[in-house]
Amino acid sequence: MLSDYLNKVFHCDAMTLLKRLPAESIDAVISDWMYGTSQSRACLYDWGCDPAKGNAKKHWQYHQPLYEQCRRVVKPNGIIGIAQGAKFAYDGYFDTWFGGHRIWLLGRFVQVQFACHVWMVQTANQHPICFPNASGIIRQNRRALHELSQHHPCPKPTEEMHFMVTHLTKPGDIILDCCCGLGSTLVAAAQLGRRYIGCDKSRRYCQIAMNRLQPINMNGSTTGRLSIVDDCGVGGTAIQVPARHAQDMAFPHHT
């Protein structure tokens, strides 16, 4: 049942989780996938480097099965929002890979530093979703992002995920992030009254995501009793990892 997956962080490969979710059960997939633009070891995850290393063909060979599974699990008029490298948008790959879509370009602003980030946004039926009538300038908490960057090579700012969740979903919706990393999408979802499902192949990332989720109240009740479920073992043993026991999670909580 879908309820077995709600408001949990799964330690497993994205494809493993996606294949177990019921068809047309998710309101929105909002996920930051590997960019495929790094050709060095500068972008090093817990489990290794991005295998594509800038090669568009290899990048899509890896991600296309994930994309097709996302289309399967999202409701017919549901939302797919995927962060991707600007290089691929500029080179024209998005039209071939995703069909009908819109590019949402968000500007990240930290003091005097500014950078743009690309999202591919569409319905599950590959209909474009226009950019909202809102400012796309995201003001980041520099300290919070710096702290997250100590644990992940390219963490998403919670402020950016607030923008995506706010403009693509409504309260009570179910949001899936099948490459959740340190959990910024899940944090934004919980803070805005959405339900969520997250997974990552790094157990440490899952622990950090859960730690960030612990103090957040949703619908009047705390999500503090969260669990990491290893290998998508629904019905199996849910491994409780309280914040005070988890490793590498001493940084303060930020919203």
C-alpha atoms as a PDB file:
ATOM      1  CA  MET A   1       0.000   0.000   0.000  1.00  0.00           C
ATOM      2  CA  LEU A   2       1.137   3.534  -0.696  1.00  0.00           C
ATOM      3  CA  SER A   3       0.668   4.411   2.980  1.00  0.00           C
ATOM      4  CA  ASP A   4       3.638   2.150   3.746  1.00  0.00           C
ATOM      5  CA  TYR A   5       5.872   4.623   1.930  1.00  0.00           C
ATOM      6  CA  LEU A   6       4.564   7.982   3.096  1.00  0.00           C
ATOM      7  CA  ASN A   7       6.777  10.338   5.082  1.00  0.00           C
ATOM      8  CA  LYS A   8       9.716   7.932   5.028  1.00  0.00           C
ATOM      9  CA  VAL A   9      13.272   8.053   3.764  1.00  0.00           C
ATOM     10  CA  PHE A  10      14.410   4.879   2.007  1.00  0.00           C
ATOM     11  CA  HIS A  11      18.000   3.794   1.696  1.00  0.00           C
ATOM     12  CA  CYS A  12      18.007   2.202  -1.743  1.00  0.00           C
ATOM     13  CA  ASP A  13      18.565   2.800  -5.421  1.00  0.00           C
ATOM     14  CA  ALA A  14      15.960   5.059  -7.063  1.00  0.00           C
ATOM     15  CA  MET A  15      14.858   2.387  -9.539  1.00  0.00           C
ATOM     16  CA  THR A  16      14.255  -0.094  -6.733  1.00  0.00           C
ATOM     17  CA  LEU A  17      11.853   2.262  -5.011  1.00  0.00           C
ATOM     18  CA  LEU A  18      10.140   3.448  -8.203  1.00  0.00           C
ATOM     19  CA  LYS A  19       9.317  -0.095  -9.324  1.00  0.00           C
ATOM     20  CA  ARG A  20       7.568  -0.779  -6.023  1.00  0.00           C
ATOM     21  CA  LEU A  21       5.330   2.287  -6.038  1.00  0.00           C
ATOM     22  CA  PRO A  22       1.796   1.883  -7.438  1.00  0.00           C
ATOM     23  CA  ALA A  23       1.025   3.399 -10.835  1.00  0.00           C
ATOM     24  CA  GLU A  24      -0.605   6.862 -10.887  1.00  0.00           C
ATOM     25  CA  SER A  25      -0.223   7.292  -7.123  1.00  0.00           C
ATOM     26  CA  ILE A  26       2.071  10.335  -6.802  1.00  0.00           C
ATOM     27  CA  ASP A  27       1.032  13.976  -7.222  1.00  0.00           C
ATOM     28  CA  ALA A  28       4.482  15.296  -8.088  1.00  0.00           C
ATOM     29  CA  VAL A  29       8.040  14.151  -8.634  1.00  0.00           C
ATOM     30  CA  ILE A  30      10.386  16.992  -7.698  1.00  0.00           C
ATOM     31  CA  SER A  31      13.946  15.788  -7.812  1.00  0.00           C
ATOM     32  CA  ASP A  32      17.475  16.984  -8.437  1.00  0.00           C
ATOM     33  CA  TRP A  33      19.201  14.379 -10.595  1.00  0.00           C
ATOM     34  CA  MET A  34      22.877  14.076 -11.426  1.00  0.00           C
ATOM     35  CA  TYR A  35      23.884  16.816 -13.830  1.00  0.00           C
ATOM     36  CA  GLY A  36      26.223  14.683 -15.919  1.00  0.00           C
ATOM     37  CA  THR A  37      28.456  17.693 -16.415  1.00  0.00           C
ATOM     38  CA  SER A  38      31.403  16.904 -14.163  1.00  0.00           C
ATOM     39  CA  GLN A  39      34.448  15.479 -15.931  1.00  0.00           C
ATOM     40  CA  SER A  40      36.603  15.293 -12.812  1.00  0.00           C
ATOM     41  CA  ARG A  41      36.411  13.991  -9.264  1.00  0.00           C
ATOM     42  CA  ALA A  42      35.379  17.419  -8.034  1.00  0.00           C
ATOM     43  CA  CYS A  43      31.750  16.240  -7.808  1.00  0.00           C
ATOM     44  CA  LEU A  44      32.207  13.214  -5.563  1.00  0.00           C
ATOM     45  CA  TYR A  45      29.197  11.617  -3.874  1.00  0.00           C
ATOM     46  CA  ASP A  46      29.361   9.132  -0.991  1.00  0.00           C
ATOM     47  CA  TRP A  47      29.070   6.304  -3.491  1.00  0.00           C
ATOM     48  CA  GLY A  48      31.458   7.713  -6.124  1.00  0.00           C
ATOM     49  CA  CYS A  49      31.495  10.052  -9.152  1.00  0.00           C
ATOM     50  CA  ASP A  50      28.727  10.749 -11.630  1.00  0.00           C
ATOM     51  CA  PRO A  51      29.242   7.901 -14.142  1.00  0.00           C
ATOM     52  CA  ALA A  52      28.303  10.036 -17.168  1.00  0.00           C
ATOM     53  CA  LYS A  53      31.088  12.598 -16.596  1.00  0.00           C
ATOM     54  CA  GLY A  54      29.658  15.050 -19.133  1.00  0.00           C
ATOM     55  CA  ASN A  55      28.660  12.543 -21.812  1.00  0.00           C
ATOM     56  CA  ALA A  56      25.052  13.224 -22.835  1.00  0.00           C
ATOM     57  CA  LYS A  57      24.424   9.729 -24.212  1.00  0.00           C
ATOM     58  CA  LYS A  58      25.648   8.016 -21.047  1.00  0.00           C
ATOM     59  CA  HIS A  59      23.741  10.517 -18.932  1.00  0.00           C
ATOM     60  CA  TRP A  60      20.440   9.689 -20.595  1.00  0.00           C
ATOM     61  CA  GLN A  61      21.110   5.935 -20.644  1.00  0.00           C
ATOM     62  CA  TYR A  62      21.258   6.109 -16.877  1.00  0.00           C
ATOM     63  CA  HIS A  63      18.362   8.511 -16.342  1.00  0.00           C
ATOM     64  CA  GLN A  64      15.832   7.504 -19.005  1.00  0.00           C
ATOM     65  CA  PRO A  65      14.602   4.412 -17.089  1.00  0.00           C
ATOM     66  CA  LEU A  66      14.135   6.609 -14.003  1.00  0.00           C
ATOM     67  CA  TYR A  67      12.202   9.157 -16.035  1.00  0.00           C
ATOM     68  CA  GLU A  68       9.884   6.513 -17.505  1.00  0.00           C
ATOM     69  CA  GLN A  69       9.201   5.103 -14.047  1.00  0.00           C
ATOM     70  CA  CYS A  70       8.452   8.602 -12.772  1.00  0.00           C
ATOM     71  CA  ARG A  71       5.892   9.039 -15.545  1.00  0.00           C
ATOM     72  CA  ARG A  72       4.347   5.704 -14.537  1.00  0.00           C
ATOM     73  CA  VAL A  73       3.927   6.512 -10.847  1.00  0.00           C
ATOM     74  CA  VAL A  74       2.719  10.112 -11.279  1.00  0.00           C
ATOM     75  CA  LYS A  75      -0.989  10.741 -11.707  1.00  0.00           C
ATOM     76  CA  PRO A  76      -2.070  11.577 -15.311  1.00  0.00           C
ATOM     77  CA  ASN A  77      -2.214  15.303 -14.599  1.00  0.00           C
ATOM     78  CA  GLY A  78       0.530  15.150 -12.001  1.00  0.00           C
ATOM     79  CA  ILE A  79       3.787  17.039 -12.103  1.00  0.00           C
ATOM     80  CA  ILE A  80       7.349  16.140 -12.989  1.00  0.00           C
ATOM     81  CA  GLY A  81      10.017  18.680 -12.081  1.00  0.00           C
ATOM     82  CA  ILE A  82      13.603  17.558 -12.630  1.00  0.00           C
ATOM     83  CA  ALA A  83      16.725  19.619 -12.097  1.00  0.00           C
ATOM     84  CA  GLN A  84      19.267  19.084 -14.859  1.00  0.00           C
ATOM     85  CA  GLY A  85      22.502  20.561 -16.106  1.00  0.00           C
ATOM     86  CA  ALA A  86      22.082  23.758 -18.130  1.00  0.00           C
ATOM     87  CA  LYS A  87      24.550  22.317 -20.634  1.00  0.00           C
ATOM     88  CA  PHE A  88      21.992  19.771 -21.801  1.00  0.00           C
ATOM     89  CA  ALA A  89      19.244  22.373 -22.159  1.00  0.00           C
ATOM     90  CA  TYR A  90      21.528  24.662 -24.150  1.00  0.00           C
ATOM     91  CA  ASP A  91      22.607  21.804 -26.445  1.00  0.00           C
ATOM     92  CA  GLY A  92      18.974  20.921 -27.220  1.00  0.00           C
ATOM     93  CA  TYR A  93      18.761  17.520 -25.543  1.00  0.00           C
ATOM     94  CA  PHE A  94      15.704  18.334 -23.434  1.00  0.00           C
ATOM     95  CA  ASP A  95      13.295  18.290 -26.389  1.00  0.00           C
ATOM     96  CA  THR A  96      14.401  14.781 -27.344  1.00  0.00           C
ATOM     97  CA  TRP A  97      14.511  13.443 -23.826  1.00  0.00           C
ATOM     98  CA  PHE A  98      11.406  14.961 -22.261  1.00  0.00           C
ATOM     99  CA  GLY A  99       9.010  15.985 -25.024  1.00  0.00           C
ATOM    100  CA  GLY A 100       6.733  18.906 -24.124  1.00  0.00           C
ATOM    101  CA  HIS A 101       8.128  20.886 -21.199  1.00  0.00           C
ATOM    102  CA  ARG A 102       9.110  24.302 -19.929  1.00  0.00           C
ATOM    103  CA  ILE A 103      12.444  25.316 -18.497  1.00  0.00           C
ATOM    104  CA  TRP A 104      12.172  27.082 -15.175  1.00  0.00           C
ATOM    105  CA  LEU A 105      15.285  29.149 -14.610  1.00  0.00           C
ATOM    106  CA  LEU A 106      15.828  30.054 -10.957  1.00  0.00           C
ATOM    107  CA  GLY A 107      18.471  32.507  -9.844  1.00  0.00           C
ATOM    108  CA  ARG A 108      20.262  31.736  -6.599  1.00  0.00           C
ATOM    109  CA  PHE A 109      21.427  34.825  -4.742  1.00  0.00           C
ATOM    110  CA  VAL A 110      23.780  34.738  -1.754  1.00  0.00           C
ATOM    111  CA  GLN A 111      25.003  38.206  -0.793  1.00  0.00           C
ATOM    112  CA  VAL A 112      26.919  39.316  -3.929  1.00  0.00           C
ATOM    113  CA  GLN A 113      27.088  35.869  -5.566  1.00  0.00           C
ATOM    114  CA  PHE A 114      24.529  34.892  -8.186  1.00  0.00           C
ATOM    115  CA  ALA A 115      24.022  31.667 -10.158  1.00  0.00           C
ATOM    116  CA  CYS A 116      21.208  30.196 -12.259  1.00  0.00           C
ATOM    117  CA  HIS A 117      19.713  26.742 -11.972  1.00  0.00           C
ATOM    118  CA  VAL A 118      17.666  24.860 -14.586  1.00  0.00           C
ATOM    119  CA  TRP A 119      14.508  22.826 -13.947  1.00  0.00           C
ATOM    120  CA  MET A 120      12.583  20.825 -16.544  1.00  0.00           C
ATOM    121  CA  VAL A 121       8.873  21.046 -15.669  1.00  0.00           C
ATOM    122  CA  GLN A 122       5.918  19.227 -17.291  1.00  0.00           C
ATOM    123  CA  THR A 123       2.904  17.052 -16.558  1.00  0.00           C
ATOM    124  CA  ALA A 124       3.165  13.269 -16.642  1.00  0.00           C
ATOM    125  CA  ASN A 125       1.541  13.509 -20.087  1.00  0.00           C
ATOM    126  CA  GLN A 126       4.411  15.743 -21.234  1.00  0.00           C
ATOM    127  CA  HIS A 127       2.458  18.983 -21.319  1.00  0.00           C
ATOM    128  CA  PRO A 128       4.502  22.085 -20.488  1.00  0.00           C
ATOM    129  CA  ILE A 129       3.852  23.941 -17.241  1.00  0.00           C
ATOM    130  CA  CYS A 130       4.433  27.659 -17.505  1.00  0.00           C
ATOM    131  CA  PHE A 131       6.557  29.561 -15.031  1.00  0.00           C
ATOM    132  CA  PRO A 132       4.450  31.122 -12.255  1.00  0.00           C
ATOM    133  CA  ASN A 133       3.802  34.810 -11.899  1.00  0.00           C
ATOM    134  CA  ALA A 134       6.461  35.108  -9.223  1.00  0.00           C
ATOM    135  CA  SER A 135      10.052  36.177  -8.826  1.00  0.00           C
ATOM    136  CA  GLY A 136      12.562  33.488  -9.699  1.00  0.00           C
ATOM    137  CA  ILE A 137      15.250  35.016  -7.518  1.00  0.00           C
ATOM    138  CA  ILE A 138      16.006  32.660  -4.634  1.00  0.00           C
ATOM    139  CA  ARG A 139      17.689  34.231  -1.621  1.00  0.00           C
ATOM    140  CA  GLN A 140      19.675  31.548   0.149  1.00  0.00           C
ATOM    141  CA  ASN A 141      20.789  31.180   3.725  1.00  0.00           C
ATOM    142  CA  ARG A 142      24.529  31.171   3.157  1.00  0.00           C
ATOM    143  CA  ARG A 143      25.391  29.560   6.461  1.00  0.00           C
ATOM    144  CA  ALA A 144      22.874  26.753   6.047  1.00  0.00           C
ATOM    145  CA  LEU A 145      24.015  25.981   2.513  1.00  0.00           C
ATOM    146  CA  HIS A 146      27.662  26.007   3.578  1.00  0.00           C
ATOM    147  CA  GLU A 147      26.909  23.497   6.311  1.00  0.00           C
ATOM    148  CA  LEU A 148      25.094  21.197   3.911  1.00  0.00           C
ATOM    149  CA  SER A 149      27.980  21.498   1.452  1.00  0.00           C
ATOM    150  CA  GLN A 150      30.240  19.837   4.009  1.00  0.00           C
ATOM    151  CA  HIS A 151      28.268  16.625   3.460  1.00  0.00           C
ATOM    152  CA  HIS A 152      27.247  16.695  -0.216  1.00  0.00           C
ATOM    153  CA  PRO A 153      28.959  18.128  -3.341  1.00  0.00           C
ATOM    154  CA  CYS A 154      25.884  19.940  -4.655  1.00  0.00           C
ATOM    155  CA  PRO A 155      23.071  20.263  -2.079  1.00  0.00           C
ATOM    156  CA  LYS A 156      19.842  22.021  -2.960  1.00  0.00           C
ATOM    157  CA  PRO A 157      18.918  25.106  -0.916  1.00  0.00           C
ATOM    158  CA  THR A 158      15.709  24.609   1.020  1.00  0.00           C
ATOM    159  CA  GLU A 159      14.579  28.044  -0.229  1.00  0.00           C
ATOM    160  CA  GLU A 160      14.717  26.839  -3.838  1.00  0.00           C
ATOM    161  CA  MET A 161      12.720  23.737  -2.997  1.00  0.00           C
ATOM    162  CA  HIS A 162      10.129  25.906  -1.210  1.00  0.00           C
ATOM    163  CA  PHE A 163       9.630  27.710  -4.513  1.00  0.00           C
ATOM    164  CA  MET A 164       9.188  24.474  -6.472  1.00  0.00           C
ATOM    165  CA  VAL A 165       6.888  22.836  -3.930  1.00  0.00           C
ATOM    166  CA  THR A 166       4.768  25.976  -3.505  1.00  0.00           C
ATOM    167  CA  HIS A 167       4.197  26.532  -7.211  1.00  0.00           C
ATOM    168  CA  LEU A 168       3.811  22.911  -8.341  1.00  0.00           C
ATOM    169  CA  THR A 169       1.740  21.322  -5.563  1.00  0.00           C
ATOM    170  CA  LYS A 170      -0.949  21.993  -2.988  1.00  0.00           C
ATOM    171  CA  PRO A 171      -1.247  21.047   0.704  1.00  0.00           C
ATOM    172  CA  GLY A 172      -1.788  17.343   1.232  1.00  0.00           C
ATOM    173  CA  ASP A 173      -0.166  16.326  -2.063  1.00  0.00           C
ATOM    174  CA  ILE A 174       2.327  13.467  -2.172  1.00  0.00           C
ATOM    175  CA  ILE A 175       5.774  14.493  -3.411  1.00  0.00           C
ATOM    176  CA  LEU A 176       8.404  11.965  -4.452  1.00  0.00           C
ATOM    177  CA  ASP A 177      12.107  12.715  -4.528  1.00  0.00           C
ATOM    178  CA  CYS A 178      13.811   9.533  -5.687  1.00  0.00           C
ATOM    179  CA  CYS A 179      17.291  11.101  -5.485  1.00  0.00           C
ATOM    180  CA  CYS A 180      16.755  13.025  -2.280  1.00  0.00           C
ATOM    181  CA  GLY A 181      20.352  13.594  -1.189  1.00  0.00           C
ATOM    182  CA  LEU A 182      20.320  15.566   2.063  1.00  0.00           C
ATOM    183  CA  GLY A 183      16.535  15.959   1.897  1.00  0.00           C
ATOM    184  CA  SER A 184      15.880  19.612   0.972  1.00  0.00           C
ATOM    185  CA  THR A 185      12.836  18.655  -1.140  1.00  0.00           C
ATOM    186  CA  LEU A 186      11.443  16.578   1.731  1.00  0.00           C
ATOM    187  CA  VAL A 187      12.064  19.365   4.233  1.00  0.00           C
ATOM    188  CA  ALA A 188      10.239  21.878   2.032  1.00  0.00           C
ATOM    189  CA  ALA A 189       7.371  19.433   1.531  1.00  0.00           C
ATOM    190  CA  ALA A 190       6.955  18.823   5.260  1.00  0.00           C
ATOM    191  CA  GLN A 191       7.191  22.521   6.111  1.00  0.00           C
ATOM    192  CA  LEU A 192       4.499  23.328   3.546  1.00  0.00           C
ATOM    193  CA  GLY A 193       2.069  20.593   4.619  1.00  0.00           C
ATOM    194  CA  ARG A 194       2.739  18.085   1.855  1.00  0.00           C
ATOM    195  CA  ARG A 195       3.419  14.397   2.276  1.00  0.00           C
ATOM    196  CA  TYR A 196       6.644  13.003   0.908  1.00  0.00           C
ATOM    197  CA  ILE A 197       8.571   9.896  -0.112  1.00  0.00           C
ATOM    198  CA  GLY A 198      12.340  10.064  -0.400  1.00  0.00           C
ATOM    199  CA  CYS A 199      15.206   7.735  -1.180  1.00  0.00           C
ATOM    200  CA  ASP A 200      18.915   7.842  -1.798  1.00  0.00           C
ATOM    201  CA  LYS A 201      21.603   5.233  -2.356  1.00  0.00           C
ATOM    202  CA  SER A 202      23.769   6.837   0.352  1.00  0.00           C
ATOM    203  CA  ARG A 203      22.728   5.792   3.826  1.00  0.00           C
ATOM    204  CA  ARG A 204      24.563   8.757   5.348  1.00  0.00           C
ATOM    205  CA  TYR A 205      22.607  11.167   3.151  1.00  0.00           C
ATOM    206  CA  CYS A 206      19.395   9.456   4.277  1.00  0.00           C
ATOM    207  CA  GLN A 207      20.428   9.879   7.915  1.00  0.00           C
ATOM    208  CA  ILE A 208      21.099  13.569   7.418  1.00  0.00           C
ATOM    209  CA  ALA A 209      17.791  14.027   5.595  1.00  0.00           C
ATOM    210  CA  MET A 210      15.953  12.370   8.454  1.00  0.00           C
ATOM    211  CA  ASN A 211      17.743  14.486  11.015  1.00  0.00           C
ATOM    212  CA  ARG A 212      16.655  17.634   9.174  1.00  0.00           C
ATOM    213  CA  LEU A 213      13.064  16.384   9.114  1.00  0.00           C
ATOM    214  CA  GLN A 214      12.838  15.467  12.804  1.00  0.00           C
ATOM    215  CA  PRO A 215      11.915  18.867  14.282  1.00  0.00           C
ATOM    216  CA  ILE A 216       9.375  19.738  11.615  1.00  0.00           C
ATOM    217  CA  ASN A 217       5.689  19.724  12.482  1.00  0.00           C
ATOM    218  CA  MET A 218       3.203  18.715   9.831  1.00  0.00           C
ATOM    219  CA  ASN A 219      -0.565  18.858  10.227  1.00  0.00           C
ATOM    220  CA  GLY A 220      -0.175  19.517  13.939  1.00  0.00           C
ATOM    221  CA  SER A 221       1.955  16.460  14.710  1.00  0.00           C
ATOM    222  CA  THR A 222       5.700  16.075  14.772  1.00  0.00           C
ATOM    223  CA  THR A 223       7.513  13.979  12.189  1.00  0.00           C
ATOM    224  CA  GLY A 224      10.185  13.216  14.777  1.00  0.00           C
ATOM    225  CA  ARG A 225       9.574   9.470  14.726  1.00  0.00           C
ATOM    226  CA  LEU A 226      10.935   9.039  11.256  1.00  0.00           C
ATOM    227  CA  SER A 227      12.733   5.966  10.058  1.00  0.00           C
ATOM    228  CA  ILE A 228      15.197   5.004   7.405  1.00  0.00           C
ATOM    229  CA  VAL A 229      14.110   1.786   5.740  1.00  0.00           C
ATOM    230  CA  ASP A 230      17.020  -0.123   4.230  1.00  0.00           C
ATOM    231  CA  ASP A 231      16.634  -1.597   0.753  1.00  0.00           C
ATOM    232  CA  CYS A 232      13.001  -0.482   0.438  1.00  0.00           C
ATOM    233  CA  GLY A 233      12.094  -3.188   2.911  1.00  0.00           C
ATOM    234  CA  VAL A 234       8.436  -2.260   3.284  1.00  0.00           C
ATOM    235  CA  GLY A 235       7.055  -4.471   6.009  1.00  0.00           C
ATOM    236  CA  GLY A 236      10.598  -5.226   7.168  1.00  0.00           C
ATOM    237  CA  THR A 237      12.679  -3.678   9.889  1.00  0.00           C
ATOM    238  CA  ALA A 238      12.588   0.099  10.025  1.00  0.00           C
ATOM    239  CA  ILE A 239      15.901   1.275  11.401  1.00  0.00           C
ATOM    240  CA  GLN A 240      15.397   4.161  13.802  1.00  0.00           C
ATOM    241  CA  VAL A 241      18.213   6.713  13.690  1.00  0.00           C
ATOM    242  CA  PRO A 242      17.548   9.472  16.253  1.00  0.00           C
ATOM    243  CA  ALA A 243      19.446  12.683  15.587  1.00  0.00           C
ATOM    244  CA  ARG A 244      21.473  12.387  18.760  1.00  0.00           C
ATOM    245  CA  HIS A 245      22.828   8.997  17.611  1.00  0.00           C
ATOM    246  CA  ALA A 246      23.395   9.649  13.907  1.00  0.00           C
ATOM    247  CA  GLN A 247      26.889  10.472  12.716  1.00  0.00           C
ATOM    248  CA  ASP A 248      27.987  13.598  10.870  1.00  0.00           C
ATOM    249  CA  MET A 249      24.809  15.519  11.662  1.00  0.00           C
ATOM    250  CA  ALA A 250      25.894  18.121  14.198  1.00  0.00           C
ATOM    251  CA  PHE A 251      25.040  21.199  12.138  1.00  0.00           C
ATOM    252  CA  PRO A 252      22.119  23.399  13.275  1.00  0.00           C
ATOM    253  CA  HIS A 253      18.656  23.198  11.742  1.00  0.00           C
ATOM    254  CA  HIS A 254      17.680  25.946   9.299  1.00  0.00           C
ATOM    255  CA  THR A 255      14.460  26.709   7.489  1.00  0.00           C
END
